[in-house]
């Protein structure tokens, strides 16, 4: 028997890069950046355990930095 490979799916929706997005700052009632907390509680789906901390997510940023990639 001959094994056939499925055709790859072509994604047509728009993709955004880091240089395509601009974050606009807003006014805040905080008097100092030291008042900001980025700690978040996270509950895991399967184990139902809760973790509280600062979530860090790695991202490929080939357009950020000083060296050619």
N, C-alpha and C. Protein backbone atom coordinates (compact mmCIF):
# COMPACT_ATOMS: atom_id res chain seq x y z
N UNK A 1 0.84 -1.20 0.00
CA UNK A 1 0.00 0.00 0.00
C UNK A 1 0.88 1.26 0.00
N UNK A 2 0.43 2.28 -0.71
CA UNK A 2 1.15 3.55 -0.80
C UNK A 2 0.57 4.52 0.23
N UNK A 3 1.46 5.11 1.02
CA UNK A 3 1.01 6.08 2.02
C UNK A 3 0.98 7.46 1.38
N UNK A 4 -0.15 8.12 1.48
CA UNK A 4 -0.31 9.46 0.93
C UNK A 4 -0.19 10.49 2.05
N UNK A 5 0.53 11.55 1.77
CA UNK A 5 0.63 12.62 2.75
C UNK A 5 -0.48 13.63 2.49
N UNK A 6 -1.03 14.14 3.57
CA UNK A 6 -2.05 15.18 3.44
C UNK A 6 -1.38 16.47 2.97
N UNK A 7 -2.08 17.23 2.18
CA UNK A 7 -1.55 18.51 1.71
C UNK A 7 -1.42 19.45 2.91
N UNK A 8 -0.35 20.24 2.96
CA UNK A 8 -0.22 21.19 4.07
C UNK A 8 -1.31 22.25 4.00
N UNK A 9 -1.76 22.67 5.16
CA UNK A 9 -2.81 23.68 5.22
C UNK A 9 -2.18 25.05 5.04
N UNK A 10 -2.71 25.84 4.15
CA UNK A 10 -2.20 27.18 3.90
C UNK A 10 -3.00 28.16 4.76
N UNK A 11 -2.29 28.88 5.63
CA UNK A 11 -2.95 29.86 6.50
C UNK A 11 -3.04 31.18 5.76
N UNK A 12 -4.23 31.74 5.69
CA UNK A 12 -4.44 32.98 4.95
C UNK A 12 -4.76 34.17 5.84
N UNK A 13 -4.96 33.96 7.15
CA UNK A 13 -5.30 35.09 8.00
C UNK A 13 -4.06 35.97 8.23
N UNK A 14 -4.29 37.23 8.53
CA UNK A 14 -3.21 38.20 8.68
C UNK A 14 -2.38 37.89 9.93
N UNK A 15 -1.08 37.99 9.80
CA UNK A 15 -0.16 37.79 10.92
C UNK A 15 0.48 39.14 11.26
N UNK A 16 0.68 39.41 12.54
CA UNK A 16 1.30 40.66 12.98
C UNK A 16 2.66 40.36 13.60
N UNK A 17 3.60 41.25 13.36
CA UNK A 17 4.94 41.15 13.91
C UNK A 17 5.08 42.24 14.98
N UNK A 18 6.18 42.24 15.71
CA UNK A 18 6.40 43.23 16.75
C UNK A 18 6.46 44.65 16.17
N UNK A 19 6.94 44.80 14.96
CA UNK A 19 7.02 46.13 14.35
C UNK A 19 5.67 46.59 13.79
N UNK A 20 4.67 45.71 13.77
CA UNK A 20 3.34 46.06 13.25
C UNK A 20 2.39 46.58 14.33
N UNK A 21 2.78 46.48 15.60
CA UNK A 21 1.88 46.80 16.71
C UNK A 21 2.47 47.93 17.53
N UNK A 22 1.62 48.90 17.90
CA UNK A 22 2.05 50.01 18.74
C UNK A 22 1.19 50.03 20.00
N UNK A 23 1.82 50.01 21.16
CA UNK A 23 1.11 50.14 22.42
C UNK A 23 1.10 51.62 22.80
N UNK A 24 -0.08 52.15 23.00
CA UNK A 24 -0.21 53.54 23.39
C UNK A 24 -0.37 53.64 24.89
N UNK A 25 0.47 54.43 25.55
CA UNK A 25 0.34 54.56 27.01
C UNK A 25 -0.94 55.30 27.40
N UNK A 26 -1.47 54.98 28.56
CA UNK A 26 -2.66 55.65 29.08
C UNK A 26 -2.32 56.33 30.39
N UNK A 27 -3.13 57.27 30.77
CA UNK A 27 -2.99 57.91 32.07
C UNK A 27 -3.32 56.89 33.16
N UNK A 28 -2.69 57.07 34.32
CA UNK A 28 -2.90 56.14 35.41
C UNK A 28 -3.04 56.91 36.71
N UNK A 29 -3.69 56.30 37.67
CA UNK A 29 -3.82 56.92 38.99
C UNK A 29 -2.64 56.58 39.90
N UNK A 30 -1.72 55.73 39.42
CA UNK A 30 -0.55 55.37 40.21
C UNK A 30 0.44 56.53 40.25
N UNK A 31 1.06 56.70 41.40
CA UNK A 31 2.03 57.78 41.51
C UNK A 31 3.45 57.30 41.22
N UNK A 32 3.66 55.97 41.20
CA UNK A 32 4.99 55.42 40.95
C UNK A 32 4.88 54.07 40.27
N UNK A 33 5.88 53.73 39.47
CA UNK A 33 5.90 52.40 38.84
C UNK A 33 6.13 51.30 39.86
N UNK A 34 6.62 51.66 41.04
CA UNK A 34 6.83 50.67 42.10
C UNK A 34 5.51 50.12 42.63
N UNK A 35 4.40 50.80 42.37
CA UNK A 35 3.08 50.33 42.82
C UNK A 35 2.50 49.25 41.91
N UNK A 36 3.13 48.99 40.79
CA UNK A 36 2.62 48.01 39.82
C UNK A 36 3.02 46.60 40.26
N UNK A 37 2.08 45.68 40.22
CA UNK A 37 2.36 44.28 40.49
C UNK A 37 2.00 43.45 39.27
N UNK A 38 2.94 42.69 38.75
CA UNK A 38 2.66 41.82 37.60
C UNK A 38 2.50 40.37 38.02
N UNK A 39 2.40 40.12 39.31
CA UNK A 39 2.19 38.77 39.83
C UNK A 39 0.75 38.36 39.58
N UNK A 40 0.57 37.14 39.08
CA UNK A 40 -0.76 36.63 38.75
C UNK A 40 -0.93 35.21 39.29
N UNK A 41 -2.12 34.88 39.82
CA UNK A 41 -2.39 33.48 40.17
C UNK A 41 -2.81 32.69 38.93
N UNK A 42 -2.27 31.50 38.78
CA UNK A 42 -2.59 30.64 37.64
C UNK A 42 -3.04 29.29 38.17
N UNK A 43 -4.22 28.84 37.72
CA UNK A 43 -4.72 27.52 38.09
C UNK A 43 -4.58 26.61 36.88
N UNK A 44 -3.89 25.50 37.04
CA UNK A 44 -3.64 24.57 35.95
C UNK A 44 -4.87 23.69 35.72
N UNK A 45 -5.21 23.46 34.44
CA UNK A 45 -6.44 22.74 34.08
C UNK A 45 -6.51 21.33 34.65
N UNK A 46 -5.47 20.54 34.42
CA UNK A 46 -5.55 19.11 34.75
C UNK A 46 -5.34 18.82 36.22
N UNK A 47 -4.40 19.51 36.86
CA UNK A 47 -4.10 19.19 38.26
C UNK A 47 -4.88 20.04 39.24
N UNK A 48 -5.48 21.13 38.76
CA UNK A 48 -6.23 22.08 39.60
C UNK A 48 -5.33 22.75 40.66
N UNK A 49 -4.02 22.62 40.52
CA UNK A 49 -3.10 23.30 41.43
C UNK A 49 -3.01 24.77 41.03
N UNK A 50 -2.77 25.61 42.02
CA UNK A 50 -2.66 27.04 41.78
C UNK A 50 -1.25 27.49 42.05
N UNK A 51 -0.72 28.31 41.17
CA UNK A 51 0.61 28.88 41.33
C UNK A 51 0.48 30.39 41.24
N UNK A 52 1.19 31.11 42.08
CA UNK A 52 1.16 32.56 42.04
C UNK A 52 2.58 33.06 41.80
N UNK A 53 2.77 33.87 40.77
CA UNK A 53 4.08 34.38 40.45
C UNK A 53 4.02 35.27 39.23
N UNK A 54 5.17 35.58 38.68
CA UNK A 54 5.25 36.41 37.49
C UNK A 54 5.40 35.50 36.27
N UNK A 55 4.38 35.45 35.40
CA UNK A 55 4.47 34.58 34.22
C UNK A 55 5.45 35.17 33.21
N UNK A 56 6.34 34.33 32.72
CA UNK A 56 7.31 34.74 31.70
C UNK A 56 7.08 33.87 30.48
N UNK A 57 6.90 34.49 29.33
CA UNK A 57 6.65 33.77 28.09
C UNK A 57 7.73 34.15 27.09
N UNK A 58 8.39 33.15 26.55
CA UNK A 58 9.42 33.40 25.54
C UNK A 58 8.78 33.69 24.21
N UNK A 59 9.39 34.60 23.46
CA UNK A 59 8.88 34.95 22.14
C UNK A 59 10.04 35.12 21.18
N UNK A 60 9.86 34.65 19.95
CA UNK A 60 10.87 34.86 18.92
C UNK A 60 10.78 36.30 18.45
N UNK A 61 11.83 37.06 18.70
CA UNK A 61 11.83 38.47 18.32
C UNK A 61 13.03 38.71 17.42
N UNK A 62 12.94 38.24 16.19
CA UNK A 62 14.08 38.39 15.28
C UNK A 62 14.25 39.82 14.78
N UNK A 63 13.25 40.66 14.97
CA UNK A 63 13.38 42.05 14.52
C UNK A 63 13.79 42.99 15.66
N UNK A 64 14.04 42.44 16.85
CA UNK A 64 14.40 43.26 18.01
C UNK A 64 15.88 43.00 18.32
N UNK A 65 16.63 44.04 18.61
CA UNK A 65 18.02 43.87 18.98
C UNK A 65 18.95 44.63 18.05
N UNK A 66 20.25 44.42 18.25
CA UNK A 66 21.22 45.17 17.48
C UNK A 66 21.98 44.33 16.45
N UNK A 67 21.82 43.02 16.50
CA UNK A 67 22.56 42.16 15.59
C UNK A 67 21.64 41.62 14.51
N UNK A 68 22.18 41.43 13.33
CA UNK A 68 21.43 40.82 12.24
C UNK A 68 21.23 39.33 12.52
N UNK A 69 20.00 38.85 12.40
CA UNK A 69 19.71 37.43 12.68
C UNK A 69 19.54 36.70 11.37
